[in-house]
Amino acid sequence: MKSFLKNLLIVFSLSLCVVIAIQGHQQAKRLRKMQTQQDAIFQKDEHIRDLDGVVKSRNEEIQRLEGIKNQLTEMVKSNRAEITRQRQDLDKADAEIARNTRQLAEYKSALDQANESIKQQNENIKQLNEQLVKLAAERNEFVEKHNKLAEDFNDLVKKWNEQQSALSGTNAPAKK
């Protein structure tokens, strides 16, 4: 029985060794699998960190682009406001040009009318000058005739006075 027990003990020992070997082999498999899983987890974590970095840089790029978009939007708004203001200024300038054009036409019409009036006045002045020259000539002729008449009258008066003097010496009036 001792040999049986010894054999049993050997069988148990061998079976225990086999169990330990199988268990060691399975544990080594599990450890390799765990290591593979840990490597995969590490790679995934690294990939996640890389993706987080990409997401962070993309978010920063998005923020930068949104800032640029906001600047451009503000520029567009200010440009639209400037365009609106310039259109209003242009409309005002067009209205002023139209008003000035009408006023210029009125001034031109008034100037033409004034020029025509001046031409008429010049014509009237020319006619009046001709009449004045004629009148002056007639006056000069009348003055000459008057002077001749006055001279003739003075001669006549002189002759009369001489005759009266000559007669007064012979015909003296009676003294009182």
Protein backbone atom coordinates (compact mmCIF):
# COMPACT_ATOMS: atom_id res chain seq x y z
CA MET A 1 0.00 0.00 0.00
CA LYS A 2 2.84 2.06 0.41
CA SER A 3 3.63 1.73 -3.16
CA PHE A 4 0.11 2.47 -4.04
CA LEU A 5 0.24 5.58 -1.97
CA LYS A 6 3.52 6.45 -3.41
CA ASN A 7 2.17 5.93 -6.87
CA LEU A 8 -0.91 7.82 -6.01
CA LEU A 9 1.23 10.55 -4.64
CA ILE A 10 3.30 10.51 -7.82
CA VAL A 11 0.18 10.55 -9.95
CA PHE A 12 -1.21 13.39 -7.89
CA SER A 13 2.11 15.15 -8.09
CA LEU A 14 2.31 14.61 -11.80
CA SER A 15 -1.28 15.63 -12.27
CA LEU A 16 -0.64 18.62 -10.08
CA CYS A 17 2.41 19.44 -12.23
CA VAL A 18 0.30 19.06 -15.34
CA VAL A 19 -2.39 21.24 -13.82
CA ILE A 20 0.26 23.78 -12.82
CA ALA A 21 1.81 23.60 -16.30
CA ILE A 22 -1.59 24.00 -17.96
CA GLN A 23 -2.44 26.74 -15.54
CA GLY A 24 0.95 28.42 -16.20
CA HIS A 25 0.41 28.06 -19.95
CA GLN A 26 -3.12 29.51 -19.69
CA GLN A 27 -1.87 32.30 -17.43
CA ALA A 28 0.92 33.05 -19.91
CA LYS A 29 -1.74 33.15 -22.65
CA ARG A 30 -3.88 35.42 -20.55
CA LEU A 31 -0.88 37.61 -19.78
CA ARG A 32 -0.02 37.85 -23.48
CA LYS A 33 -3.65 38.63 -24.25
CA MET A 34 -3.70 41.20 -21.46
CA GLN A 35 -0.43 42.65 -22.75
CA THR A 36 -1.92 42.80 -26.25
CA GLN A 37 -5.04 44.43 -24.85
CA GLN A 38 -2.93 46.86 -22.81
CA ASP A 39 -0.88 47.65 -25.92
CA ALA A 40 -4.12 48.17 -27.83
CA ILE A 41 -5.44 50.34 -25.00
CA PHE A 42 -2.16 52.27 -24.95
CA GLN A 43 -2.31 52.72 -28.70
CA LYS A 44 -5.93 53.75 -28.46
CA ASP A 45 -5.09 56.17 -25.64
CA GLU A 46 -2.23 57.52 -27.74
CA HIS A 47 -4.55 57.76 -30.74
CA ILE A 48 -7.15 59.50 -28.52
CA ARG A 49 -4.45 61.93 -27.30
CA ASP A 50 -3.45 62.55 -30.94
CA LEU A 51 -7.10 63.03 -31.87
CA ASP A 52 -7.55 65.33 -28.85
CA GLY A 53 -4.55 67.32 -30.09
CA VAL A 54 -6.06 67.43 -33.58
CA VAL A 55 -9.45 68.41 -32.13
CA LYS A 56 -7.76 71.08 -30.03
CA SER A 57 -5.81 72.46 -33.02
CA ARG A 58 -8.94 72.25 -35.17
CA ASN A 59 -10.93 74.07 -32.47
CA GLU A 60 -8.21 76.71 -32.35
CA GLU A 61 -8.35 76.93 -36.17
CA ILE A 62 -12.15 77.15 -35.99
CA GLN A 63 -11.85 79.93 -33.41
CA ARG A 64 -9.32 81.74 -35.61
CA LEU A 65 -11.53 81.32 -38.70
CA GLU A 66 -14.60 82.45 -36.74
CA GLY A 67 -12.64 85.53 -35.65
CA ILE A 68 -11.71 86.20 -39.28
CA LYS A 69 -15.32 85.55 -40.32
CA ASN A 70 -16.54 88.01 -37.66
CA GLN A 71 -14.01 90.60 -38.84
CA LEU A 72 -15.08 90.08 -42.45
CA THR A 73 -18.75 90.24 -41.43
CA GLU A 74 -18.10 93.53 -39.64
CA MET A 75 -16.19 94.76 -42.68
CA VAL A 76 -19.08 93.78 -44.93
CA LYS A 77 -21.51 95.60 -42.61
CA SER A 78 -19.34 98.72 -42.55
CA ASN A 79 -18.86 98.47 -46.33
CA ARG A 80 -22.61 98.17 -46.83
CA ALA A 81 -23.16 101.16 -44.57
CA GLU A 82 -20.50 103.08 -46.49
CA ILE A 83 -22.06 102.05 -49.81
CA THR A 84 -25.47 103.16 -48.54
CA ARG A 85 -24.02 106.49 -47.39
CA GLN A 86 -22.20 106.96 -50.69
CA ARG A 87 -25.37 106.11 -52.63
CA GLN A 88 -27.24 108.72 -50.61
CA ASP A 89 -24.44 111.22 -51.27
CA LEU A 90 -24.54 110.27 -54.95
CA ASP A 91 -28.32 110.73 -55.05
CA LYS A 92 -27.93 114.11 -53.36
CA ALA A 93 -25.19 115.06 -55.81
CA ASP A 94 -27.33 113.90 -58.76
CA ALA A 95 -30.27 115.93 -57.45
CA GLU A 96 -28.01 118.94 -56.97
CA ILE A 97 -26.59 118.51 -60.47
CA ALA A 98 -30.11 118.30 -61.89
CA ARG A 99 -31.13 121.39 -59.90
CA ASN A 100 -27.98 123.23 -60.99
CA THR A 101 -28.60 122.18 -64.60
CA ARG A 102 -32.14 123.55 -64.45
CA GLN A 103 -30.87 126.69 -62.77
CA LEU A 104 -28.14 126.99 -65.41
CA ALA A 105 -30.77 126.68 -68.14
CA GLU A 106 -32.83 129.38 -66.40
CA TYR A 107 -29.74 131.59 -66.08
CA LYS A 108 -28.89 130.97 -69.72
CA SER A 109 -32.43 131.86 -70.72
CA ALA A 110 -32.29 134.98 -68.53
CA LEU A 111 -28.86 135.84 -69.97
CA ASP A 112 -30.13 135.39 -73.53
CA GLN A 113 -33.13 137.54 -72.68
CA ALA A 114 -30.87 140.15 -71.05
CA ASN A 115 -28.55 140.08 -74.09
CA GLU A 116 -31.53 140.51 -76.37
CA SER A 117 -32.73 143.38 -74.18
CA ILE A 118 -29.26 144.92 -74.26
CA LYS A 119 -29.17 144.57 -78.05
CA GLN A 120 -32.55 146.28 -78.22
CA GLN A 121 -31.32 149.00 -75.84
CA ASN A 122 -28.16 149.44 -77.91
CA GLU A 123 -30.31 149.76 -81.02
CA ASN A 124 -32.49 152.32 -79.22
CA ILE A 125 -29.39 154.19 -78.03
CA LYS A 126 -28.04 154.18 -81.58
CA GLN A 127 -31.34 155.59 -82.86
CA LEU A 128 -31.38 158.15 -80.04
CA ASN A 129 -27.80 159.13 -80.86
CA GLU A 130 -28.75 159.61 -84.50
CA GLN A 131 -31.75 161.68 -83.43
CA LEU A 132 -29.53 163.62 -81.01
CA VAL A 133 -27.02 164.33 -83.79
CA LYS A 134 -29.89 165.45 -86.02
CA LEU A 135 -31.35 167.56 -83.22
CA ALA A 136 -27.94 169.07 -82.47
CA ALA A 137 -27.52 169.89 -86.16
CA GLU A 138 -30.99 171.47 -86.22
CA ARG A 139 -30.21 173.36 -83.01
CA ASN A 140 -26.91 174.58 -84.48
CA GLU A 141 -28.74 175.66 -87.62
CA PHE A 142 -31.40 177.38 -85.51
CA VAL A 143 -28.71 179.03 -83.36
CA GLU A 144 -26.93 180.24 -86.49
CA LYS A 145 -30.21 181.60 -87.84
CA HIS A 146 -30.93 183.16 -84.45
CA ASN A 147 -27.46 184.67 -84.28
CA LYS A 148 -27.86 185.98 -87.83
CA LEU A 149 -31.28 187.39 -86.90
CA ALA A 150 -29.83 188.91 -83.71
CA GLU A 151 -27.00 190.38 -85.73
CA ASP A 152 -29.43 191.70 -88.31
CA PHE A 153 -31.60 193.03 -85.48
CA ASN A 154 -28.59 194.65 -83.82
CA ASP A 155 -27.62 196.21 -87.14
CA LEU A 156 -31.17 197.42 -87.55
CA VAL A 157 -31.20 198.78 -83.98
CA LYS A 158 -27.87 200.45 -84.62
CA LYS A 159 -29.19 201.96 -87.84
CA TRP A 160 -32.36 203.00 -86.02
CA ASN A 161 -30.35 204.54 -83.24
CA GLU A 162 -28.18 206.34 -85.77
CA GLN A 163 -31.19 207.54 -87.64
CA GLN A 164 -32.83 208.61 -84.41
CA SER A 165 -29.69 210.39 -83.39
CA ALA A 166 -29.49 212.06 -86.71
CA LEU A 167 -33.09 213.02 -86.52
CA SER A 168 -32.92 214.07 -82.93
CA GLY A 169 -30.41 216.69 -83.77
CA THR A 170 -32.84 218.33 -86.17
CA ASN A 171 -36.02 217.62 -84.43
CA ALA A 172 -35.48 218.36 -80.86
CA PRO A 173 -38.50 218.12 -78.69
CA ALA A 174 -39.70 221.14 -76.87
CA LYS A 175 -38.36 221.76 -73.46
CA LYS A 176 -40.68 222.16 -70.72
